[in-house]
PDB file of N, CA and C in Angstrom:
ATOM      1  N   MET A   1       4.516  -9.190   3.946  1.00  0.00           N
ATOM      2  CA  MET A   1       4.225 -10.593   3.417  1.00  0.00           C
ATOM      3  C   MET A   1       2.854 -11.112   3.776  1.00  0.00           C
ATOM      4  N   LEU A   2       2.087 -11.451   2.788  1.00  0.00           N
ATOM      5  CA  LEU A   2       0.593 -11.850   3.014  1.00  0.00           C
ATOM      6  C   LEU A   2       0.645 -13.253   2.513  1.00  0.00           C
ATOM      7  N   HIS A   3       0.262 -14.285   3.321  1.00  0.00           N
ATOM      8  CA  HIS A   3      -0.026 -15.657   2.851  1.00  0.00           C
ATOM      9  C   HIS A   3      -1.631 -16.008   3.134  1.00  0.00           C
ATOM     10  N   GLY A   4      -2.032 -16.451   2.147  1.00  0.00           N
ATOM     11  CA  GLY A   4      -3.404 -16.667   1.950  1.00  0.00           C
ATOM     12  C   GLY A   4      -3.669 -18.295   1.597  1.00  0.00           C
ATOM     13  N   SER A   5      -4.926 -18.743   1.671  1.00  0.00           N
ATOM     14  CA  SER A   5      -5.102 -20.208   1.419  1.00  0.00           C
ATOM     15  C   SER A   5      -4.875 -20.611  -0.033  1.00  0.00           C
ATOM     16  N   LYS A   6      -4.735 -19.547  -1.130  1.00  0.00           N
ATOM     17  CA  LYS A   6      -4.439 -19.628  -2.463  1.00  0.00           C
ATOM     18  C   LYS A   6      -3.263 -19.188  -2.813  1.00  0.00           C
ATOM     19  N   GLY A   7      -2.418 -18.324  -2.136  1.00  0.00           N
ATOM     20  CA  GLY A   7      -1.245 -18.023  -2.459  1.00  0.00           C
ATOM     21  C   GLY A   7      -0.222 -16.948  -1.553  1.00  0.00           C
ATOM     22  N   SER A   8       0.585 -16.437  -2.011  1.00  0.00           N
ATOM     23  CA  SER A   8       1.320 -15.382  -1.121  1.00  0.00           C
ATOM     24  C   SER A   8       1.838 -14.124  -1.839  1.00  0.00           C
ATOM     25  N   PHE A   9       1.817 -13.049  -1.256  1.00  0.00           N
ATOM     26  CA  PHE A   9       1.967 -11.883  -1.688  1.00  0.00           C
ATOM     27  C   PHE A   9       3.154 -11.179  -0.945  1.00  0.00           C
ATOM     28  N   THR A  10       4.593 -11.061  -1.288  1.00  0.00           N
ATOM     29  CA  THR A  10       5.649 -10.085  -0.887  1.00  0.00           C
ATOM     30  C   THR A  10       5.953  -8.962  -1.096  1.00  0.00           C
ATOM     31  N   LYS A  11       6.313  -7.810  -0.574  1.00  0.00           N
ATOM     32  CA  LYS A  11       6.234  -6.691  -0.885  1.00  0.00           C
ATOM     33  C   LYS A  11       7.589  -6.195   0.148  1.00  0.00           C
ATOM     34  N   TYR A  12       8.639  -5.645  -0.556  1.00  0.00           N
ATOM     35  CA  TYR A  12       9.430  -4.858   0.310  1.00  0.00           C
ATOM     36  C   TYR A  12       9.621  -3.178  -0.168  1.00  0.00           C
ATOM     37  N   GLY A  13      10.330  -2.411   0.839  1.00  0.00           N
ATOM     38  CA  GLY A  13      10.458  -1.121   0.471  1.00  0.00           C
ATOM     39  C   GLY A  13       9.219  -0.298   1.159  1.00  0.00           C
ATOM     40  N   SER A  14       9.604   0.991   0.920  1.00  0.00           N
ATOM     41  CA  SER A  14       8.848   1.969   1.540  1.00  0.00           C
ATOM     42  C   SER A  14       8.101   2.801   0.345  1.00  0.00           C
ATOM     43  N   ASP A  15       7.308   3.612   0.599  1.00  0.00           N
ATOM     44  CA  ASP A  15       6.779   4.531  -0.372  1.00  0.00           C
ATOM     45  C   ASP A  15       7.547   5.607  -0.736  1.00  0.00           C
ATOM     46  N   PRO A  16       7.958   5.756  -2.221  1.00  0.00           N
ATOM     47  CA  PRO A  16       8.840   6.579  -2.674  1.00  0.00           C
ATOM     48  C   PRO A  16       8.742   8.018  -2.636  1.00  0.00           C
ATOM     49  N   GLN A  17       7.327   8.419  -2.038  1.00  0.00           N
ATOM     50  CA  GLN A  17       6.987   9.999  -2.128  1.00  0.00           C
ATOM     51  C   GLN A  17       7.696  10.288  -0.648  1.00  0.00           C
ATOM     52  N   GLU A  18       7.928   9.912   0.499  1.00  0.00           N
ATOM     53  CA  GLU A  18       8.840  10.157   1.485  1.00  0.00           C
ATOM     54  C   GLU A  18      10.096  10.639   0.961  1.00  0.00           C
ATOM     55  N   PRO A  19      10.752   9.922   0.535  1.00  0.00           N
ATOM     56  CA  PRO A  19      12.219  10.298   0.418  1.00  0.00           C
ATOM     57  C   PRO A  19      12.456  11.788  -0.760  1.00  0.00           C
ATOM     58  N   ALA A  20      11.101  11.623  -1.647  1.00  0.00           N
ATOM     59  CA  ALA A  20      11.420  12.551  -2.540  1.00  0.00           C
ATOM     60  C   ALA A  20      10.850  13.812  -1.914  1.00  0.00           C
ATOM     61  N   LEU A  21       9.902  13.802  -0.824  1.00  0.00           N
ATOM     62  CA  LEU A  21       9.141  15.287  -0.277  1.00  0.00           C
ATOM     63  C   LEU A  21      10.681  15.588   0.666  1.00  0.00           C
ATOM     64  N   ILE A  22      11.225  14.725   1.505  1.00  0.00           N
ATOM     65  CA  ILE A  22      12.386  15.150   2.344  1.00  0.00           C
ATOM     66  C   ILE A  22      13.607  15.963   1.328  1.00  0.00           C
ATOM     67  N   ALA A  23      13.475  15.413   0.216  1.00  0.00           N
ATOM     68  CA  ALA A  23      14.652  15.959  -0.877  1.00  0.00           C
ATOM     69  C   ALA A  23      14.013  17.518  -1.468  1.00  0.00           C
ATOM     70  N   GLY A  24      13.044  17.409  -1.130  1.00  0.00           N
ATOM     71  CA  GLY A  24      12.274  18.900  -1.491  1.00  0.00           C
ATOM     72  C   GLY A  24      11.400  18.771  -2.722  1.00  0.00           C
ATOM     73  N   GLY A  25      11.289  17.824  -3.145  1.00  0.00           N
ATOM     74  CA  GLY A  25      10.560  17.422  -4.225  1.00  0.00           C
ATOM     75  C   GLY A  25       8.938  17.494  -4.245  1.00  0.00           C
ATOM     76  N   THR A  26       8.319  17.551  -5.511  1.00  0.00           N
ATOM     77  CA  THR A  26       6.946  17.659  -5.351  1.00  0.00           C
ATOM     78  C   THR A  26       6.163  16.862  -6.508  1.00  0.00           C
ATOM     79  N   PRO A  27       4.918  16.723  -6.301  1.00  0.00           N
ATOM     80  CA  PRO A  27       4.348  16.082  -7.666  1.00  0.00           C
ATOM     81  C   PRO A  27       4.705  16.695  -8.933  1.00  0.00           C
ATOM     82  N   ASP A  28       4.748  18.122  -8.561  1.00  0.00           N
ATOM     83  CA  ASP A  28       4.778  18.917 -10.051  1.00  0.00           C
ATOM     84  C   ASP A  28       6.293  19.106 -10.508  1.00  0.00           C
ATOM     85  N   SER A  29       7.242  18.695  -9.728  1.00  0.00           N
ATOM     86  CA  SER A  29       8.680  19.039 -10.228  1.00  0.00           C
ATOM     87  C   SER A  29       9.337  17.807 -10.108  1.00  0.00           C
ATOM     88  N   VAL A  30       8.822  16.415  -9.746  1.00  0.00           N
ATOM     89  CA  VAL A  30       9.393  15.246  -9.925  1.00  0.00           C
ATOM     90  C   VAL A  30       8.896  14.440 -11.121  1.00  0.00           C
ATOM     91  N   ARG A  31       9.561  13.961 -11.948  1.00  0.00           N
ATOM     92  CA  ARG A  31       9.352  13.216 -13.170  1.00  0.00           C
ATOM     93  C   ARG A  31       8.782  11.850 -12.559  1.00  0.00           C
ATOM     94  N   ASN A  32       7.493  11.197 -12.837  1.00  0.00           N
ATOM     95  CA  ASN A  32       7.306  10.009 -12.396  1.00  0.00           C
ATOM     96  C   ASN A  32       6.938   9.952 -10.719  1.00  0.00           C
ATOM     97  N   TRP A  33       6.333  11.039 -10.435  1.00  0.00           N
ATOM     98  CA  TRP A  33       6.113  11.199  -9.049  1.00  0.00           C
ATOM     99  C   TRP A  33       5.186   9.856  -8.586  1.00  0.00           C
ATOM    100  N   GLY A  34       5.921   9.350  -7.352  1.00  0.00           N
ATOM    101  CA  GLY A  34       5.298   8.152  -6.619  1.00  0.00           C
ATOM    102  C   GLY A  34       5.471   6.865  -7.573  1.00  0.00           C
ATOM    103  N   LYS A  35       6.141   6.724  -8.316  1.00  0.00           N
ATOM    104  CA  LYS A  35       6.374   5.535  -9.035  1.00  0.00           C
ATOM    105  C   LYS A  35       7.626   4.815  -8.578  1.00  0.00           C
ATOM    106  N   GLU A  36       7.466   3.657  -8.101  1.00  0.00           N
ATOM    107  CA  GLU A  36       8.356   2.795  -7.425  1.00  0.00           C
ATOM    108  C   GLU A  36       9.457   2.144  -8.605  1.00  0.00           C
ATOM    109  N   ALA A  37      10.481   2.133  -8.117  1.00  0.00           N
ATOM    110  CA  ALA A  37      11.571   1.137  -8.909  1.00  0.00           C
ATOM    111  C   ALA A  37      10.989  -0.221  -9.170  1.00  0.00           C
ATOM    112  N   LYS A  38      11.583  -1.032 -10.129  1.00  0.00           N
ATOM    113  CA  LYS A  38      11.063  -2.452 -10.407  1.00  0.00           C
ATOM    114  C   LYS A  38      11.461  -3.340  -9.419  1.00  0.00           C
ATOM    115  N   GLU A  39      12.749  -3.140  -8.864  1.00  0.00           N
ATOM    116  CA  GLU A  39      13.105  -3.930  -7.766  1.00  0.00           C
ATOM    117  C   GLU A  39      12.431  -3.998  -6.386  1.00  0.00           C
ATOM    118  N   PHE A  40      11.492  -3.061  -6.366  1.00  0.00           N
ATOM    119  CA  PHE A  40      10.502  -2.954  -5.148  1.00  0.00           C
ATOM    120  C   PHE A  40       9.149  -3.350  -5.390  1.00  0.00           C
ATOM    121  N   TRP A  41       8.944  -3.891  -6.664  1.00  0.00           N
ATOM    122  CA  TRP A  41       7.495  -4.356  -6.948  1.00  0.00           C
ATOM    123  C   TRP A  41       7.305  -5.658  -6.137  1.00  0.00           C
ATOM    124  N   GLY A  42       6.004  -5.868  -5.827  1.00  0.00           N
ATOM    125  CA  GLY A  42       5.678  -7.215  -5.113  1.00  0.00           C
ATOM    126  C   GLY A  42       5.723  -8.309  -5.930  1.00  0.00           C
ATOM    127  N   LYS A  43       6.037  -9.341  -5.182  1.00  0.00           N
ATOM    128  CA  LYS A  43       6.087 -10.681  -5.505  1.00  0.00           C
ATOM    129  C   LYS A  43       4.769 -11.760  -5.316  1.00  0.00           C
ATOM    130  N   LEU A  44       4.259 -12.274  -6.533  1.00  0.00           N
ATOM    131  CA  LEU A  44       2.883 -12.979  -6.219  1.00  0.00           C
ATOM    132  C   LEU A  44       3.356 -14.378  -6.632  1.00  0.00           C
ATOM    133  N   ASN A  45       2.796 -15.216  -5.849  1.00  0.00           N
ATOM    134  CA  ASN A  45       2.962 -16.788  -6.126  1.00  0.00           C
ATOM    135  C   ASN A  45       1.527 -17.415  -5.656  1.00  0.00           C
ATOM    136  N   ALA A  46       0.623 -17.657  -6.629  1.00  0.00           N
ATOM    137  CA  ALA A  46      -0.715 -18.088  -6.155  1.00  0.00           C
ATOM    138  C   ALA A  46      -1.131 -19.195  -7.291  1.00  0.00           C
ATOM    139  N   SER A  47      -2.229 -20.141  -6.747  1.00  0.00           N
ATOM    140  CA  SER A  47      -2.792 -21.042  -7.537  1.00  0.00           C
ATOM    141  C   SER A  47      -4.153 -20.795  -7.563  1.00  0.00           C
ATOM    142  N   ILE A  48      -4.822 -20.490  -8.578  1.00  0.00           N
ATOM    143  CA  ILE A  48      -6.376 -19.942  -8.643  1.00  0.00           C
ATOM    144  C   ILE A  48      -6.746 -21.084 -10.016  1.00  0.00           C
ATOM    145  N   GLY A  49      -7.835 -21.508  -9.567  1.00  0.00           N
ATOM    146  CA  GLY A  49      -8.539 -22.424 -10.496  1.00  0.00           C
ATOM    147  C   GLY A  49      -7.866 -23.388 -11.295  1.00  0.00           C
ATOM    148  N   GLY A  50      -6.746 -24.056 -10.746  1.00  0.00           N
ATOM    149  CA  GLY A  50      -5.953 -24.917 -11.411  1.00  0.00           C
ATOM    150  C   GLY A  50      -4.851 -24.354 -12.215  1.00  0.00           C
ATOM    151  N   LEU A  51      -4.761 -22.979 -12.079  1.00  0.00           N
ATOM    152  CA  LEU A  51      -3.408 -22.348 -12.574  1.00  0.00           C
ATOM    153  C   LEU A  51      -2.553 -21.880 -11.716  1.00  0.00           C
ATOM    154  N   HIS A  52      -1.323 -22.018 -11.809  1.00  0.00           N
ATOM    155  CA  HIS A  52      -0.371 -21.589 -11.022  1.00  0.00           C
ATOM    156  C   HIS A  52       0.439 -20.473 -11.641  1.00  0.00           C
ATOM    157  N   VAL A  53       0.341 -19.255 -10.789  1.00  0.00           N
ATOM    158  CA  VAL A  53       1.077 -17.944 -11.378  1.00  0.00           C
ATOM    159  C   VAL A  53       1.998 -17.465 -10.487  1.00  0.00           C
ATOM    160  N   GLU A  54       3.380 -17.093 -11.066  1.00  0.00           N
ATOM    161  CA  GLU A  54       4.545 -16.432 -10.127  1.00  0.00           C
ATOM    162  C   GLU A  54       4.873 -15.222 -11.000  1.00  0.00           C
ATOM    163  N   GLY A  55       4.924 -14.002 -10.417  1.00  0.00           N
ATOM    164  CA  GLY A  55       5.350 -13.081 -10.861  1.00  0.00           C
ATOM    165  C   GLY A  55       5.493 -11.708 -10.215  1.00  0.00           C
ATOM    166  N   ARG A  56       5.733 -10.654 -10.826  1.00  0.00           N
ATOM    167  CA  ARG A  56       6.024  -9.250 -10.023  1.00  0.00           C
ATOM    168  C   ARG A  56       4.902  -8.486 -10.370  1.00  0.00           C
ATOM    169  N   ILE A  57       4.446  -7.658  -9.711  1.00  0.00           N
ATOM    170  CA  ILE A  57       3.114  -6.748  -9.497  1.00  0.00           C
ATOM    171  C   ILE A  57       3.856  -5.452  -9.496  1.00  0.00           C
ATOM    172  N   GLU A  58       3.421  -4.767 -10.353  1.00  0.00           N
ATOM    173  CA  GLU A  58       3.907  -3.157 -10.292  1.00  0.00           C
ATOM    174  C   GLU A  58       3.057  -2.505  -9.461  1.00  0.00           C
ATOM    175  N   THR A  59       3.811  -1.853  -8.614  1.00  0.00           N
ATOM    176  CA  THR A  59       3.168  -0.858  -7.563  1.00  0.00           C
ATOM    177  C   THR A  59       2.519   0.251  -8.094  1.00  0.00           C
ATOM    178  N   LEU A  60       1.332   0.502  -7.653  1.00  0.00           N
ATOM    179  CA  LEU A  60       0.509   1.893  -8.410  1.00  0.00           C
ATOM    180  C   LEU A  60       1.148   3.089  -7.796  1.00  0.00           C
ATOM    181  N   PRO A  61       1.580   4.188  -8.753  1.00  0.00           N
ATOM    182  CA  PRO A  61       1.818   5.315  -8.010  1.00  0.00           C
ATOM    183  C   PRO A  61       1.138   5.869  -6.967  1.00  0.00           C
ATOM    184  N   GLY A  62       1.648   6.449  -6.117  1.00  0.00           N
ATOM    185  CA  GLY A  62       0.848   7.059  -4.982  1.00  0.00           C
ATOM    186  C   GLY A  62       0.979   8.647  -5.134  1.00  0.00           C
ATOM    187  N   ASN A  63      -0.096   9.309  -4.720  1.00  0.00           N
ATOM    188  CA  ASN A  63       0.171  10.989  -4.641  1.00  0.00           C
ATOM    189  C   ASN A  63      -0.353  11.304  -3.162  1.00  0.00           C
ATOM    190  N   TYR A  64       0.184  11.755  -2.077  1.00  0.00           N
ATOM    191  CA  TYR A  64      -0.365  12.004  -1.128  1.00  0.00           C
ATOM    192  C   TYR A  64      -1.134  13.279  -1.137  1.00  0.00           C
ATOM    193  N   ALA A  65      -0.752  14.108  -2.412  1.00  0.00           N
ATOM    194  CA  ALA A  65      -1.735  15.586  -2.341  1.00  0.00           C
ATOM    195  C   ALA A  65      -3.194  14.993  -2.939  1.00  0.00           C
ATOM    196  N   ASP A  66      -3.384  13.859  -3.624  1.00  0.00           N
ATOM    197  CA  ASP A  66      -4.635  13.716  -4.143  1.00  0.00           C
ATOM    198  C   ASP A  66      -5.405  13.318  -2.706  1.00  0.00           C
ATOM    199  N   PHE A  67      -4.817  12.569  -1.807  1.00  0.00           N
ATOM    200  CA  PHE A  67      -5.475  12.103  -0.902  1.00  0.00           C
ATOM    201  C   PHE A  67      -6.261  13.394   0.071  1.00  0.00           C
ATOM    202  N   TYR A  68      -5.142  14.320   0.188  1.00  0.00           N
ATOM    203  CA  TYR A  68      -5.662  15.461   1.078  1.00  0.00           C
ATOM    204  C   TYR A  68      -6.449  16.536   0.153  1.00  0.00           C
ATOM    205  N   ARG A  69      -6.293  16.521  -1.282  1.00  0.00           N
ATOM    206  CA  ARG A  69      -7.484  17.286  -1.860  1.00  0.00           C
ATOM    207  C   ARG A  69      -8.810  16.823  -1.701  1.00  0.00           C
ATOM    208  N   ASN A  70      -8.933  15.479  -1.684  1.00  0.00           N
ATOM    209  CA  ASN A  70     -10.096  15.035  -1.760  1.00  0.00           C
ATOM    210  C   ASN A  70     -10.709  15.105  -0.105  1.00  0.00           C
ATOM    211  N   VAL A  71      -9.935  14.806   0.838  1.00  0.00           N
ATOM    212  CA  VAL A  71     -10.308  15.307   2.141  1.00  0.00           C
ATOM    213  C   VAL A  71     -10.918  16.803   2.261  1.00  0.00           C
ATOM    214  N   ASN A  72     -10.137  17.559   1.722  1.00  0.00           N
ATOM    215  CA  ASN A  72     -10.655  19.236   1.558  1.00  0.00           C
ATOM    216  C   ASN A  72     -12.155  19.155   0.981  1.00  0.00           C
ATOM    217  N   GLU A  73     -12.139  18.504  -0.236  1.00  0.00           N
ATOM    218  CA  GLU A  73     -13.303  18.706  -1.059  1.00  0.00           C
ATOM    219  C   GLU A  73     -14.367  18.095  -0.519  1.00  0.00           C
ATOM    220  N   HIS A  74     -14.290  16.793   0.434  1.00  0.00           N
ATOM    221  CA  HIS A  74     -15.234  16.222   1.287  1.00  0.00           C
ATOM    222  C   HIS A  74     -15.750  17.294   2.300  1.00  0.00           C
ATOM    223  N   ILE A  75     -15.096  17.858   2.914  1.00  0.00           N
ATOM    224  CA  ILE A  75     -15.518  18.948   3.903  1.00  0.00           C
ATOM    225  C   ILE A  75     -15.923  19.889   3.432  1.00  0.00           C
ATOM    226  N   ALA A  76     -15.658  20.566   2.367  1.00  0.00           N
ATOM    227  CA  ALA A  76     -16.461  21.382   1.469  1.00  0.00           C
ATOM    228  C   ALA A  76     -17.763  20.954   0.930  1.00  0.00           C
ATOM    229  N   GLY A  77     -17.995  19.676   0.963  1.00  0.00           N
ATOM    230  CA  GLY A  77     -19.332  18.959   0.811  1.00  0.00           C
ATOM    231  C   GLY A  77     -19.366  18.903  -0.821  1.00  0.00           C
ATOM    232  N   ASN A  78     -18.263  18.868  -1.444  1.00  0.00           N
ATOM    233  CA  ASN A  78     -18.128  18.693  -3.008  1.00  0.00           C
ATOM    234  C   ASN A  78     -17.926  17.001  -3.491  1.00  0.00           C
ATOM    235  N   GLU A  79     -17.229  16.279  -2.548  1.00  0.00           N
ATOM    236  CA  GLU A  79     -17.038  14.953  -2.978  1.00  0.00           C
ATOM    237  C   GLU A  79     -17.140  13.991  -1.893  1.00  0.00           C
ATOM    238  N   GLU A  80     -17.347  12.420  -2.328  1.00  0.00           N
ATOM    239  CA  GLU A  80     -17.291  11.575  -1.138  1.00  0.00           C
ATOM    240  C   GLU A  80     -15.661  11.101  -1.053  1.00  0.00           C
ATOM    241  N   LEU A  81     -15.576  10.768   0.397  1.00  0.00           N
ATOM    242  CA  LEU A  81     -14.372  10.395   0.740  1.00  0.00           C
ATOM    243  C   LEU A  81     -13.849   9.170  -0.061  1.00  0.00           C
ATOM    244  N   GLU A  82     -12.513   9.282  -0.819  1.00  0.00           N
ATOM    245  CA  GLU A  82     -12.231   8.140  -1.494  1.00  0.00           C
ATOM    246  C   GLU A  82     -11.856   6.970  -0.483  1.00  0.00           C
ATOM    247  N   VAL A  83     -11.097   7.582   0.776  1.00  0.00           N
ATOM    248  CA  VAL A  83     -10.780   6.435   1.668  1.00  0.00           C
ATOM    249  C   VAL A  83     -11.634   6.476   2.730  1.00  0.00           C
ATOM    250  N   LYS A  84     -12.551   5.880   3.144  1.00  0.00           N
ATOM    251  CA  LYS A  84     -13.712   5.753   4.306  1.00  0.00           C
ATOM    252  C   LYS A  84     -12.970   5.663   5.459  1.00  0.00           C
ATOM    253  N   PRO A  85     -13.232   6.157   6.456  1.00  0.00           N
ATOM    254  CA  PRO A  85     -12.802   6.150   8.083  1.00  0.00           C
ATOM    255  C   PRO A  85     -12.535   4.725   8.318  1.00  0.00           C
ATOM    256  N   GLU A  86     -13.546   3.890   7.966  1.00  0.00           N
ATOM    257  CA  GLU A  86     -13.313   2.538   8.430  1.00  0.00           C
ATOM    258  C   GLU A  86     -12.477   1.920   7.598  1.00  0.00           C
ATOM    259  N   GLU A  87     -12.098   2.308   6.421  1.00  0.00           N
ATOM    260  CA  GLU A  87     -11.104   1.634   5.667  1.00  0.00           C
ATOM    261  C   GLU A  87      -9.678   2.081   6.083  1.00  0.00           C
ATOM    262  N   ALA A  88      -9.694   3.252   6.751  1.00  0.00           N
ATOM    263  CA  ALA A  88      -8.292   3.670   7.190  1.00  0.00           C
ATOM    264  C   ALA A  88      -8.239   3.193   8.677  1.00  0.00           C
ATOM    265  N   ARG A  89      -9.177   2.813   9.316  1.00  0.00           N
ATOM    266  CA  ARG A  89      -9.140   2.274  10.642  1.00  0.00           C
ATOM    267  C   ARG A  89      -8.610   0.751  10.666  1.00  0.00           C
ATOM    268  N   THR A  90      -9.072   0.216   9.463  1.00  0.00           N
ATOM    269  CA  THR A  90      -8.688  -1.547   9.268  1.00  0.00           C
ATOM    270  C   THR A  90      -7.155  -1.293   8.762  1.00  0.00           C
ATOM    271  N   ALA A  91      -6.821  -0.392   7.882  1.00  0.00           N
ATOM    272  CA  ALA A  91      -5.670  -0.222   7.527  1.00  0.00           C
ATOM    273  C   ALA A  91      -4.503  -0.143   8.707  1.00  0.00           C
ATOM    274  N   VAL A  92      -4.760   0.733   9.647  1.00  0.00           N
ATOM    275  CA  VAL A  92      -3.987   1.075  10.845  1.00  0.00           C
ATOM    276  C   VAL A  92      -4.004   0.049  11.960  1.00  0.00           C
ATOM    277  N   TRP A  93      -5.222  -0.773  12.221  1.00  0.00           N
ATOM    278  CA  TRP A  93      -5.076  -2.093  12.809  1.00  0.00           C
ATOM    279  C   TRP A  93      -4.228  -3.201  12.271  1.00  0.00           C
ATOM    280  N   LEU A  94      -4.247  -3.221  10.841  1.00  0.00           N
ATOM    281  CA  LEU A  94      -3.605  -4.482  10.313  1.00  0.00           C
ATOM    282  C   LEU A  94      -1.918  -4.042  10.524  1.00  0.00           C
ATOM    283  N   MET A  95      -1.420  -2.550  10.245  1.00  0.00           N
ATOM    284  CA  MET A  95      -0.164  -2.294  10.215  1.00  0.00           C
ATOM    285  C   MET A  95       0.548  -2.632  11.998  1.00  0.00           C
ATOM    286  N   GLU A  96      -0.543  -1.996  12.830  1.00  0.00           N
ATOM    287  CA  GLU A  96      -0.136  -2.168  14.117  1.00  0.00           C
ATOM    288  C   GLU A  96       0.041  -3.731  14.560  1.00  0.00           C
ATOM    289  N   LEU A  97      -1.090  -4.553  13.984  1.00  0.00           N
ATOM    290  CA  LEU A  97      -0.666  -6.104  14.370  1.00  0.00           C
ATOM    291  C   LEU A  97       0.378  -6.497  13.505  1.00  0.00           C
ATOM    292  N   ALA A  98       0.937  -6.163  12.398  1.00  0.00           N
ATOM    293  CA  ALA A  98       2.032  -6.634  11.823  1.00  0.00           C
ATOM    294  C   ALA A  98       3.368  -6.077  12.540  1.00  0.00           C
ATOM    295  N   LEU A  99       3.347  -4.809  13.052  1.00  0.00           N
ATOM    296  CA  LEU A  99       4.301  -4.603  13.938  1.00  0.00           C
ATOM    297  C   LEU A  99       4.458  -5.483  15.214  1.00  0.00           C
ATOM    298  N   LYS A 100       3.248  -5.730  15.783  1.00  0.00           N
ATOM    299  CA  LYS A 100       3.391  -6.375  17.006  1.00  0.00           C
ATOM    300  C   LYS A 100       3.807  -7.912  16.916  1.00  0.00           C
ATOM    301  N   ILE A 101       3.397  -8.664  15.615  1.00  0.00           N
ATOM    302  CA  ILE A 101       3.814  -9.913  15.619  1.00  0.00           C
ATOM    303  C   ILE A 101       5.178  -9.916  14.790  1.00  0.00           C
ATOM    304  N   HIS A 102       5.628  -9.096  14.126  1.00  0.00           N
ATOM    305  CA  HIS A 102       7.139  -8.955  13.802  1.00  0.00           C
ATOM    306  C   HIS A 102       8.026  -8.654  15.034  1.00  0.00           C
ATOM    307  N   LYS A 103       7.613  -7.823  15.955  1.00  0.00           N
ATOM    308  CA  LYS A 103       8.467  -7.658  17.179  1.00  0.00           C
ATOM    309  C   LYS A 103       8.606  -9.255  18.220  1.00  0.00           C
ATOM    310  N   GLU A 104       7.406  -9.748  18.269  1.00  0.00           N
ATOM    311  CA  GLU A 104       7.272 -11.132  18.666  1.00  0.00           C
ATOM    312  C   GLU A 104       7.872 -12.359  18.079  1.00  0.00           C
ATOM    313  N   GLY A 105       8.250 -12.025  16.911  1.00  0.00           N
ATOM    314  CA  GLY A 105       8.886 -13.105  15.945  1.00  0.00           C
ATOM    315  C   GLY A 105       8.023 -14.145  15.607  1.00  0.00           C
ATOM    316  N   ARG A 106       6.704 -13.947  15.146  1.00  0.00           N
ATOM    317  CA  ARG A 106       5.899 -15.008  15.218  1.00  0.00           C
ATOM    318  C   ARG A 106       4.683 -14.778  13.913  1.00  0.00           C
ATOM    319  N   SER A 107       3.887 -15.540  13.421  1.00  0.00           N
ATOM    320  CA  SER A 107       3.019 -15.226  12.366  1.00  0.00           C
ATOM    321  C   SER A 107       1.567 -15.693  12.994  1.00  0.00           C
ATOM    322  N   ILE A 108       0.682 -14.902  12.714  1.00  0.00           N
ATOM    323  CA  ILE A 108      -0.595 -15.374  13.120  1.00  0.00           C
ATOM    324  C   ILE A 108      -1.672 -15.298  11.854  1.00  0.00           C
ATOM    325  N   PRO A 109      -2.903 -16.060  12.104  1.00  0.00           N
ATOM    326  CA  PRO A 109      -3.618 -15.995  11.056  1.00  0.00           C
ATOM    327  C   PRO A 109      -4.519 -14.633  11.335  1.00  0.00           C
ATOM    328  N   VAL A 110      -4.935 -13.894  10.122  1.00  0.00           N
ATOM    329  CA  VAL A 110      -5.802 -12.703  10.425  1.00  0.00           C
ATOM    330  C   VAL A 110      -7.262 -12.917   9.741  1.00  0.00           C
ATOM    331  N   THR A 111      -8.296 -12.795  10.356  1.00  0.00           N
ATOM    332  CA  THR A 111      -9.589 -12.895   9.694  1.00  0.00           C
ATOM    333  C   THR A 111     -10.051 -11.642   9.819  1.00  0.00           C
ATOM    334  N   TYR A 112     -10.855 -11.322   8.992  1.00  0.00           N
ATOM    335  CA  TYR A 112     -11.435  -9.971   9.065  1.00  0.00           C
ATOM    336  C   TYR A 112     -12.896 -10.072   8.479  1.00  0.00           C
TER     337      TYR A 112
END
């Protein structure tokens, strides 16, 4: 759940790739790999430029294999990293912060 000065975004559920992998699936063997069911799409409630918007935001399908392919190609000197180390560090920091404040039962402002 994210609350900002112009609105809020709420998202439930986890990445659908994990249960698919546990069940033995692969991106090549599962139709619509990484595509999330509509009931798990995020909900946006925002006011921007005098316009109020409420609605569902379709989750972009993920593919872990693309991430690791890109890391391999970067190590081989063929591609730039799509996810930079500082971006990954920020994501981990935000997840750790979210777990901490959830455990403490409070919310805090986050500035970055």
